[in-house]
Amino acid sequence: MSIKVKTLLRSQELWDLVEYGFADILEPDEEEEKRLKETKKNDAKALFIIQQAILDSIFSRIVVAATLNEVWLILQKEYQGDSKVIVVKL
């Protein structure tokens, strides 16, 4: 699943949001506000794509996440486990 989601998000130019997320700007000027609004829109778009791609049993685990970056971390842990589990699997 990870490879398919990565490919889909990269094709939509949304992968940077997964890796880096975004930061709210406290007092944005007009240009920054437009950029922030577009970034939040893309974050929501990517969240929608992921929500459509996962099983309902997993959806209940990501519903608490507010950003794409948070969702991705949850999914990584769900499918790959934390670093200790990964070492044990190897």
PDB file of N, CA and C in Angstrom:
ATOM      1  N   MET A   1       0.812  -1.188   0.000  1.00  0.00           N
ATOM      2  CA  MET A   1       0.000   0.000   0.000  1.00  0.00           C
ATOM      3  C   MET A   1       0.857   1.254   0.000  1.00  0.00           C
ATOM      4  N   SER A   2       1.935   1.239   0.743  1.00  0.00           N
ATOM      5  CA  SER A   2       2.791   2.399   0.875  1.00  0.00           C
ATOM      6  C   SER A   2       3.291   2.908  -0.478  1.00  0.00           C
ATOM      7  N   ILE A   3       3.743   2.014  -1.314  1.00  0.00           N
ATOM      8  CA  ILE A   3       4.269   2.409  -2.623  1.00  0.00           C
ATOM      9  C   ILE A   3       3.172   3.013  -3.487  1.00  0.00           C
ATOM     10  N   LYS A   4       1.988   2.413  -3.455  1.00  0.00           N
ATOM     11  CA  LYS A   4       0.875   2.931  -4.251  1.00  0.00           C
ATOM     12  C   LYS A   4       0.461   4.321  -3.793  1.00  0.00           C
ATOM     13  N   VAL A   5       0.382   4.522  -2.487  1.00  0.00           N
ATOM     14  CA  VAL A   5      -0.016   5.835  -1.965  1.00  0.00           C
ATOM     15  C   VAL A   5       1.050   6.872  -2.280  1.00  0.00           C
ATOM     16  N   LYS A   6       2.319   6.516  -2.102  1.00  0.00           N
ATOM     17  CA  LYS A   6       3.407   7.445  -2.427  1.00  0.00           C
ATOM     18  C   LYS A   6       3.331   7.867  -3.887  1.00  0.00           C
ATOM     19  N   THR A   7       3.158   6.899  -4.757  1.00  0.00           N
ATOM     20  CA  THR A   7       3.094   7.194  -6.191  1.00  0.00           C
ATOM     21  C   THR A   7       1.912   8.094  -6.515  1.00  0.00           C
ATOM     22  N   LEU A   8       0.764   7.791  -5.938  1.00  0.00           N
ATOM     23  CA  LEU A   8      -0.422   8.600  -6.176  1.00  0.00           C
ATOM     24  C   LEU A   8      -0.218  10.030  -5.692  1.00  0.00           C
ATOM     25  N   LEU A   9       0.303  10.194  -4.492  1.00  0.00           N
ATOM     26  CA  LEU A   9       0.512  11.543  -3.955  1.00  0.00           C
ATOM     27  C   LEU A   9       1.598  12.299  -4.715  1.00  0.00           C
ATOM     28  N   ARG A  10       2.631  11.597  -5.142  1.00  0.00           N
ATOM     29  CA  ARG A  10       3.659  12.261  -5.960  1.00  0.00           C
ATOM     30  C   ARG A  10       3.081  12.721  -7.298  1.00  0.00           C
ATOM     31  N   SER A  11       2.216  11.906  -7.873  1.00  0.00           N
ATOM     32  CA  SER A  11       1.620  12.274  -9.165  1.00  0.00           C
ATOM     33  C   SER A  11       0.729  13.507  -9.050  1.00  0.00           C
ATOM     34  N   GLN A  12       0.218  13.749  -7.866  1.00  0.00           N
ATOM     35  CA  GLN A  12      -0.629  14.917  -7.628  1.00  0.00           C
ATOM     36  C   GLN A  12       0.165  16.081  -7.016  1.00  0.00           C
ATOM     37  N   GLU A  13       1.491  15.933  -6.954  1.00  0.00           N
ATOM     38  CA  GLU A  13       2.404  16.924  -6.377  1.00  0.00           C
ATOM     39  C   GLU A  13       2.042  17.241  -4.930  1.00  0.00           C
ATOM     40  N   LEU A  14       1.734  16.183  -4.159  1.00  0.00           N
ATOM     41  CA  LEU A  14       1.323  16.341  -2.766  1.00  0.00           C
ATOM     42  C   LEU A  14       2.285  15.671  -1.789  1.00  0.00           C
ATOM     43  N   TRP A  15       3.298  14.999  -2.289  1.00  0.00           N
ATOM     44  CA  TRP A  15       4.170  14.225  -1.417  1.00  0.00           C
ATOM     45  C   TRP A  15       4.955  15.094  -0.428  1.00  0.00           C
ATOM     46  N   ASP A  16       5.336  16.295  -0.803  1.00  0.00           N
ATOM     47  CA  ASP A  16       6.075  17.173   0.112  1.00  0.00           C
ATOM     48  C   ASP A  16       5.304  17.414   1.405  1.00  0.00           C
ATOM     49  N   LEU A  17       3.990  17.441   1.312  1.00  0.00           N
ATOM     50  CA  LEU A  17       3.186  17.622   2.513  1.00  0.00           C
ATOM     51  C   LEU A  17       3.315  16.445   3.460  1.00  0.00           C
ATOM     52  N   VAL A  18       3.474  15.263   2.913  1.00  0.00           N
ATOM     53  CA  VAL A  18       3.661  14.079   3.752  1.00  0.00           C
ATOM     54  C   VAL A  18       4.994  14.181   4.486  1.00  0.00           C
ATOM     55  N   GLU A  19       6.025  14.521   3.763  1.00  0.00           N
ATOM     56  CA  GLU A  19       7.354  14.556   4.348  1.00  0.00           C
ATOM     57  C   GLU A  19       7.578  15.746   5.273  1.00  0.00           C
ATOM     58  N   TYR A  20       7.083  16.910   4.892  1.00  0.00           N
ATOM     59  CA  TYR A  20       7.424  18.118   5.628  1.00  0.00           C
ATOM     60  C   TYR A  20       6.248  18.770   6.354  1.00  0.00           C
ATOM     61  N   GLY A  21       5.030  18.410   5.975  1.00  0.00           N
ATOM     62  CA  GLY A  21       3.871  19.053   6.577  1.00  0.00           C
ATOM     63  C   GLY A  21       3.832  20.526   6.212  1.00  0.00           C
ATOM     64  N   PHE A  22       3.161  21.311   7.030  1.00  0.00           N
ATOM     65  CA  PHE A  22       3.151  22.752   6.832  1.00  0.00           C
ATOM     66  C   PHE A  22       2.993  23.423   8.175  1.00  0.00           C
ATOM     67  N   ALA A  23       3.413  24.667   8.247  1.00  0.00           N
ATOM     68  CA  ALA A  23       3.323  25.420   9.495  1.00  0.00           C
ATOM     69  C   ALA A  23       2.419  26.627   9.287  1.00  0.00           C
ATOM     70  N   ASP A  24       1.516  26.838  10.231  1.00  0.00           N
ATOM     71  CA  ASP A  24       0.693  28.043  10.197  1.00  0.00           C
ATOM     72  C   ASP A  24       1.573  29.251  10.477  1.00  0.00           C
ATOM     73  N   ILE A  25       1.298  30.332   9.787  1.00  0.00           N
ATOM     74  CA  ILE A  25       2.035  31.576   9.985  1.00  0.00           C
ATOM     75  C   ILE A  25       1.163  32.460  10.864  1.00  0.00           C
ATOM     76  N   LEU A  26       1.738  32.994  11.948  1.00  0.00           N
ATOM     77  CA  LEU A  26       0.938  33.734  12.924  1.00  0.00           C
ATOM     78  C   LEU A  26       0.246  34.959  12.345  1.00  0.00           C
ATOM     79  N   GLU A  27       0.980  35.790  11.650  1.00  0.00           N
ATOM     80  CA  GLU A  27       0.401  36.984  11.053  1.00  0.00           C
ATOM     81  C   GLU A  27       0.832  37.066   9.592  1.00  0.00           C
ATOM     82  N   PRO A  28       0.190  36.277   8.738  1.00  0.00           N
ATOM     83  CA  PRO A  28       0.631  36.233   7.335  1.00  0.00           C
ATOM     84  C   PRO A  28       0.239  37.493   6.564  1.00  0.00           C
ATOM     85  N   ASP A  29       1.114  37.873   5.641  1.00  0.00           N
ATOM     86  CA  ASP A  29       0.720  38.935   4.723  1.00  0.00           C
ATOM     87  C   ASP A  29      -0.167  38.308   3.650  1.00  0.00           C
ATOM     88  N   GLU A  30      -0.615  39.081   2.711  1.00  0.00           N
ATOM     89  CA  GLU A  30      -1.579  38.578   1.720  1.00  0.00           C
ATOM     90  C   GLU A  30      -1.013  37.428   0.889  1.00  0.00           C
ATOM     91  N   GLU A  31       0.242  37.548   0.478  1.00  0.00           N
ATOM     92  CA  GLU A  31       0.877  36.495  -0.332  1.00  0.00           C
ATOM     93  C   GLU A  31       1.034  35.212   0.477  1.00  0.00           C
ATOM     94  N   GLU A  32       1.502  35.337   1.704  1.00  0.00           N
ATOM     95  CA  GLU A  32       1.669  34.158   2.558  1.00  0.00           C
ATOM     96  C   GLU A  32       0.326  33.505   2.872  1.00  0.00           C
ATOM     97  N   GLU A  33      -0.698  34.329   3.037  1.00  0.00           N
ATOM     98  CA  GLU A  33      -2.029  33.804   3.327  1.00  0.00           C
ATOM     99  C   GLU A  33      -2.558  32.981   2.159  1.00  0.00           C
ATOM    100  N   LYS A  34      -2.330  33.456   0.934  1.00  0.00           N
ATOM    101  CA  LYS A  34      -2.742  32.699  -0.254  1.00  0.00           C
ATOM    102  C   LYS A  34      -2.000  31.366  -0.325  1.00  0.00           C
ATOM    103  N   ARG A  35      -0.693  31.423  -0.075  1.00  0.00           N
ATOM    104  CA  ARG A  35       0.128  30.211  -0.131  1.00  0.00           C
ATOM    105  C   ARG A  35      -0.303  29.216   0.954  1.00  0.00           C
ATOM    106  N   LEU A  36      -0.577  29.718   2.165  1.00  0.00           N
ATOM    107  CA  LEU A  36      -1.020  28.864   3.258  1.00  0.00           C
ATOM    108  C   LEU A  36      -2.378  28.239   2.954  1.00  0.00           C
ATOM    109  N   LYS A  37      -3.268  29.012   2.379  1.00  0.00           N
ATOM    110  CA  LYS A  37      -4.591  28.500   2.016  1.00  0.00           C
ATOM    111  C   LYS A  37      -4.466  27.385   0.977  1.00  0.00           C
ATOM    112  N   GLU A  38      -3.602  27.578  -0.008  1.00  0.00           N
ATOM    113  CA  GLU A  38      -3.373  26.562  -1.046  1.00  0.00           C
ATOM    114  C   GLU A  38      -2.748  25.302  -0.446  1.00  0.00           C
ATOM    115  N   THR A  39      -1.825  25.480   0.475  1.00  0.00           N
ATOM    116  CA  THR A  39      -1.182  24.347   1.129  1.00  0.00           C
ATOM    117  C   THR A  39      -2.191  23.551   1.943  1.00  0.00           C
ATOM    118  N   LYS A  40      -3.041  24.242   2.676  1.00  0.00           N
ATOM    119  CA  LYS A  40      -4.074  23.550   3.468  1.00  0.00           C
ATOM    120  C   LYS A  40      -5.058  22.822   2.559  1.00  0.00           C
ATOM    121  N   LYS A  41      -5.372  23.415   1.421  1.00  0.00           N
ATOM    122  CA  LYS A  41      -6.262  22.766   0.450  1.00  0.00           C
ATOM    123  C   LYS A  41      -5.619  21.485  -0.077  1.00  0.00           C
ATOM    124  N   ASN A  42      -4.343  21.548  -0.397  1.00  0.00           N
ATOM    125  CA  ASN A  42      -3.631  20.368  -0.877  1.00  0.00           C
ATOM    126  C   ASN A  42      -3.515  19.306   0.212  1.00  0.00           C
ATOM    127  N   ASP A  43      -3.339  19.733   1.450  1.00  0.00           N
ATOM    128  CA  ASP A  43      -3.288  18.789   2.563  1.00  0.00           C
ATOM    129  C   ASP A  43      -4.613  18.037   2.664  1.00  0.00           C
ATOM    130  N   ALA A  44      -5.714  18.763   2.565  1.00  0.00           N
ATOM    131  CA  ALA A  44      -7.037  18.131   2.628  1.00  0.00           C
ATOM    132  C   ALA A  44      -7.254  17.198   1.437  1.00  0.00           C
ATOM    133  N   LYS A  45      -6.780  17.608   0.279  1.00  0.00           N
ATOM    134  CA  LYS A  45      -6.900  16.779  -0.923  1.00  0.00           C
ATOM    135  C   LYS A  45      -6.154  15.456  -0.744  1.00  0.00           C
ATOM    136  N   ALA A  46      -4.946  15.541  -0.220  1.00  0.00           N
ATOM    137  CA  ALA A  46      -4.152  14.336   0.005  1.00  0.00           C
ATOM    138  C   ALA A  46      -4.774  13.455   1.086  1.00  0.00           C
ATOM    139  N   LEU A  47      -5.310  14.068   2.131  1.00  0.00           N
ATOM    140  CA  LEU A  47      -6.007  13.298   3.169  1.00  0.00           C
ATOM    141  C   LEU A  47      -7.172  12.533   2.568  1.00  0.00           C
ATOM    142  N   PHE A  48      -7.919  13.180   1.706  1.00  0.00           N
ATOM    143  CA  PHE A  48      -9.053  12.530   1.045  1.00  0.00           C
ATOM    144  C   PHE A  48      -8.594  11.325   0.233  1.00  0.00           C
ATOM    145  N   ILE A  49      -7.495  11.488  -0.498  1.00  0.00           N
ATOM    146  CA  ILE A  49      -6.970  10.392  -1.313  1.00  0.00           C
ATOM    147  C   ILE A  49      -6.601   9.210  -0.426  1.00  0.00           C
ATOM    148  N   ILE A  50      -5.922   9.467   0.660  1.00  0.00           N
ATOM    149  CA  ILE A  50      -5.531   8.381   1.565  1.00  0.00           C
ATOM    150  C   ILE A  50      -6.761   7.732   2.184  1.00  0.00           C
ATOM    151  N   GLN A  51      -7.712   8.537   2.616  1.00  0.00           N
ATOM    152  CA  GLN A  51      -8.924   7.986   3.229  1.00  0.00           C
ATOM    153  C   GLN A  51      -9.679   7.078   2.279  1.00  0.00           C
ATOM    154  N   GLN A  52      -9.651   7.378   1.013  1.00  0.00           N
ATOM    155  CA  GLN A  52     -10.327   6.547   0.030  1.00  0.00           C
ATOM    156  C   GLN A  52      -9.558   5.255  -0.249  1.00  0.00           C
ATOM    157  N   ALA A  53      -8.265   5.264   0.024  1.00  0.00           N
ATOM    158  CA  ALA A  53      -7.419   4.123  -0.318  1.00  0.00           C
ATOM    159  C   ALA A  53      -7.305   3.081   0.782  1.00  0.00           C
ATOM    160  N   ILE A  54      -7.698   3.425   2.007  1.00  0.00           N
ATOM    161  CA  ILE A  54      -7.479   2.499   3.110  1.00  0.00           C
ATOM    162  C   ILE A  54      -8.757   1.774   3.521  1.00  0.00           C
ATOM    163  N   LEU A  55      -8.575   0.706   4.238  1.00  0.00           N
ATOM    164  CA  LEU A  55      -9.698  -0.073   4.750  1.00  0.00           C
ATOM    165  C   LEU A  55     -10.377   0.657   5.904  1.00  0.00           C
ATOM    166  N   ASP A  56     -11.650   0.362   6.116  1.00  0.00           N
ATOM    167  CA  ASP A  56     -12.391   0.989   7.208  1.00  0.00           C
ATOM    168  C   ASP A  56     -11.759   0.691   8.565  1.00  0.00           C
ATOM    169  N   SER A  57     -11.199  -0.485   8.712  1.00  0.00           N
ATOM    170  CA  SER A  57     -10.571  -0.845   9.988  1.00  0.00           C
ATOM    171  C   SER A  57      -9.369   0.048  10.305  1.00  0.00           C
ATOM    172  N   ILE A  58      -8.689   0.517   9.290  1.00  0.00           N
ATOM    173  CA  ILE A  58      -7.548   1.414   9.486  1.00  0.00           C
ATOM    174  C   ILE A  58      -8.031   2.859   9.598  1.00  0.00           C
ATOM    175  N   PHE A  59      -9.091   3.185   8.884  1.00  0.00           N
ATOM    176  CA  PHE A  59      -9.617   4.545   8.907  1.00  0.00           C
ATOM    177  C   PHE A  59      -9.906   5.003  10.333  1.00  0.00           C
ATOM    178  N   SER A  60     -10.449   4.119  11.144  1.00  0.00           N
ATOM    179  CA  SER A  60     -10.775   4.494  12.517  1.00  0.00           C
ATOM    180  C   SER A  60      -9.529   4.905  13.304  1.00  0.00           C
ATOM    181  N   ARG A  61      -8.369   4.457  12.887  1.00  0.00           N
ATOM    182  CA  ARG A  61      -7.126   4.813  13.577  1.00  0.00           C
ATOM    183  C   ARG A  61      -6.563   6.156  13.136  1.00  0.00           C
ATOM    184  N   ILE A  62      -6.880   6.568  11.909  1.00  0.00           N
ATOM    185  CA  ILE A  62      -6.326   7.838  11.418  1.00  0.00           C
ATOM    186  C   ILE A  62      -7.285   9.005  11.568  1.00  0.00           C
ATOM    187  N   VAL A  63      -8.508   8.730  11.955  1.00  0.00           N
ATOM    188  CA  VAL A  63      -9.520   9.781  12.016  1.00  0.00           C
ATOM    189  C   VAL A  63      -9.144  10.886  13.011  1.00  0.00           C
ATOM    190  N   VAL A  64      -8.308  10.580  13.987  1.00  0.00           N
ATOM    191  CA  VAL A  64      -7.904  11.568  14.989  1.00  0.00           C
ATOM    192  C   VAL A  64      -6.829  12.526  14.467  1.00  0.00           C
ATOM    193  N   ALA A  65      -6.170  12.177  13.390  1.00  0.00           N
ATOM    194  CA  ALA A  65      -5.085  13.002  12.852  1.00  0.00           C
ATOM    195  C   ALA A  65      -5.649  14.215  12.115  1.00  0.00           C
ATOM    196  N   ALA A  66      -4.989  15.344  12.302  1.00  0.00           N
ATOM    197  CA  ALA A  66      -5.459  16.584  11.695  1.00  0.00           C
ATOM    198  C   ALA A  66      -4.749  16.928  10.384  1.00  0.00           C
ATOM    199  N   THR A  67      -3.550  16.385  10.196  1.00  0.00           N
ATOM    200  CA  THR A  67      -2.789  16.714   8.991  1.00  0.00           C
ATOM    201  C   THR A  67      -2.326  15.443   8.282  1.00  0.00           C
ATOM    202  N   LEU A  68      -1.967  15.614   7.054  1.00  0.00           N
ATOM    203  CA  LEU A  68      -1.468  14.508   6.243  1.00  0.00           C
ATOM    204  C   LEU A  68      -0.221  13.893   6.863  1.00  0.00           C
ATOM    205  N   ASN A  69       0.657  14.731   7.364  1.00  0.00           N
ATOM    206  CA  ASN A  69       1.880  14.240   7.984  1.00  0.00           C
ATOM    207  C   ASN A  69       1.563  13.332   9.166  1.00  0.00           C
ATOM    208  N   GLU A  70       0.612  13.704  10.008  1.00  0.00           N
ATOM    209  CA  GLU A  70       0.206  12.877  11.146  1.00  0.00           C
ATOM    210  C   GLU A  70      -0.374  11.544  10.671  1.00  0.00           C
ATOM    211  N   VAL A  71      -1.206  11.595   9.647  1.00  0.00           N
ATOM    212  CA  VAL A  71      -1.805  10.376   9.094  1.00  0.00           C
ATOM    213  C   VAL A  71      -0.720   9.442   8.594  1.00  0.00           C
ATOM    214  N   TRP A  72       0.249   9.979   7.888  1.00  0.00           N
ATOM    215  CA  TRP A  72       1.303   9.147   7.330  1.00  0.00           C
ATOM    216  C   TRP A  72       2.104   8.462   8.429  1.00  0.00           C
ATOM    217  N   LEU A  73       2.388   9.171   9.511  1.00  0.00           N
ATOM    218  CA  LEU A  73       3.119   8.566  10.615  1.00  0.00           C
ATOM    219  C   LEU A  73       2.318   7.425  11.244  1.00  0.00           C
ATOM    220  N   ILE A  74       1.014   7.607  11.381  1.00  0.00           N
ATOM    221  CA  ILE A  74       0.150   6.550  11.913  1.00  0.00           C
ATOM    222  C   ILE A  74       0.158   5.340  10.986  1.00  0.00           C
ATOM    223  N   LEU A  75       0.042   5.595   9.688  1.00  0.00           N
ATOM    224  CA  LEU A  75       0.021   4.490   8.720  1.00  0.00           C
ATOM    225  C   LEU A  75       1.352   3.748   8.693  1.00  0.00           C
ATOM    226  N   GLN A  76       2.443   4.479   8.775  1.00  0.00           N
ATOM    227  CA  GLN A  76       3.755   3.826   8.800  1.00  0.00           C
ATOM    228  C   GLN A  76       3.864   2.905  10.010  1.00  0.00           C
ATOM    229  N   LYS A  77       3.448   3.401  11.154  1.00  0.00           N
ATOM    230  CA  LYS A  77       3.525   2.589  12.365  1.00  0.00           C
ATOM    231  C   LYS A  77       2.595   1.385  12.259  1.00  0.00           C
ATOM    232  N   GLU A  78       1.423   1.585  11.678  1.00  0.00           N
ATOM    233  CA  GLU A  78       0.442   0.504  11.540  1.00  0.00           C
ATOM    234  C   GLU A  78       0.960  -0.605  10.634  1.00  0.00           C
ATOM    235  N   TYR A  79       1.553  -0.235   9.509  1.00  0.00           N
ATOM    236  CA  TYR A  79       1.965  -1.237   8.528  1.00  0.00           C
ATOM    237  C   TYR A  79       3.399  -1.721   8.715  1.00  0.00           C
ATOM    238  N   GLN A  80       4.267  -0.863   9.243  1.00  0.00           N
ATOM    239  CA  GLN A  80       5.663  -1.263   9.385  1.00  0.00           C
ATOM    240  C   GLN A  80       6.054  -1.503  10.833  1.00  0.00           C
ATOM    241  N   GLY A  81       5.332  -0.940  11.768  1.00  0.00           N
ATOM    242  CA  GLY A  81       5.693  -1.042  13.179  1.00  0.00           C
ATOM    243  C   GLY A  81       6.720   0.016  13.529  1.00  0.00           C
ATOM    244  N   ASP A  82       6.989   0.174  14.812  1.00  0.00           N
ATOM    245  CA  ASP A  82       8.024   1.126  15.192  1.00  0.00           C
ATOM    246  C   ASP A  82       9.391   0.492  14.964  1.00  0.00           C
ATOM    247  N   SER A  83      10.449   1.234  15.238  1.00  0.00           N
ATOM    248  CA  SER A  83      11.803   0.754  14.912  1.00  0.00           C
ATOM    249  C   SER A  83      12.150  -0.549  15.612  1.00  0.00           C
ATOM    250  N   LYS A  84      11.649  -0.759  16.826  1.00  0.00           N
ATOM    251  CA  LYS A  84      11.937  -2.005  17.537  1.00  0.00           C
ATOM    252  C   LYS A  84      11.297  -3.201  16.837  1.00  0.00           C
ATOM    253  N   VAL A  85      10.068  -3.018  16.377  1.00  0.00           N
ATOM    254  CA  VAL A  85       9.372  -4.101  15.675  1.00  0.00           C
ATOM    255  C   VAL A  85      10.055  -4.407  14.356  1.00  0.00           C
ATOM    256  N   ILE A  86      10.500  -3.388  13.658  1.00  0.00           N
ATOM    257  CA  ILE A  86      11.177  -3.580  12.375  1.00  0.00           C
ATOM    258  C   ILE A  86      12.455  -4.402  12.580  1.00  0.00           C
ATOM    259  N   VAL A  87      13.224  -4.095  13.614  1.00  0.00           N
ATOM    260  CA  VAL A  87      14.463  -4.834  13.881  1.00  0.00           C
ATOM    261  C   VAL A  87      14.143  -6.283  14.191  1.00  0.00           C
ATOM    262  N   VAL A  88      13.109  -6.541  14.971  1.00  0.00           N
ATOM    263  CA  VAL A  88      12.729  -7.903  15.302  1.00  0.00           C
ATOM    264  C   VAL A  88      12.314  -8.656  14.055  1.00  0.00           C
ATOM    265  N   LYS A  89      11.570  -7.990  13.156  1.00  0.00           N
ATOM    266  CA  LYS A  89      11.132  -8.642  11.925  1.00  0.00           C
ATOM    267  C   LYS A  89      12.321  -9.042  11.059  1.00  0.00           C
ATOM    268  N   LEU A  90      13.362  -8.220  11.044  1.00  0.00           N
ATOM    269  CA  LEU A  90      14.532  -8.530  10.233  1.00  0.00           C
ATOM    270  C   LEU A  90      15.266  -9.710  10.821  1.00  0.00           C
TER     271      LEU A  90
END
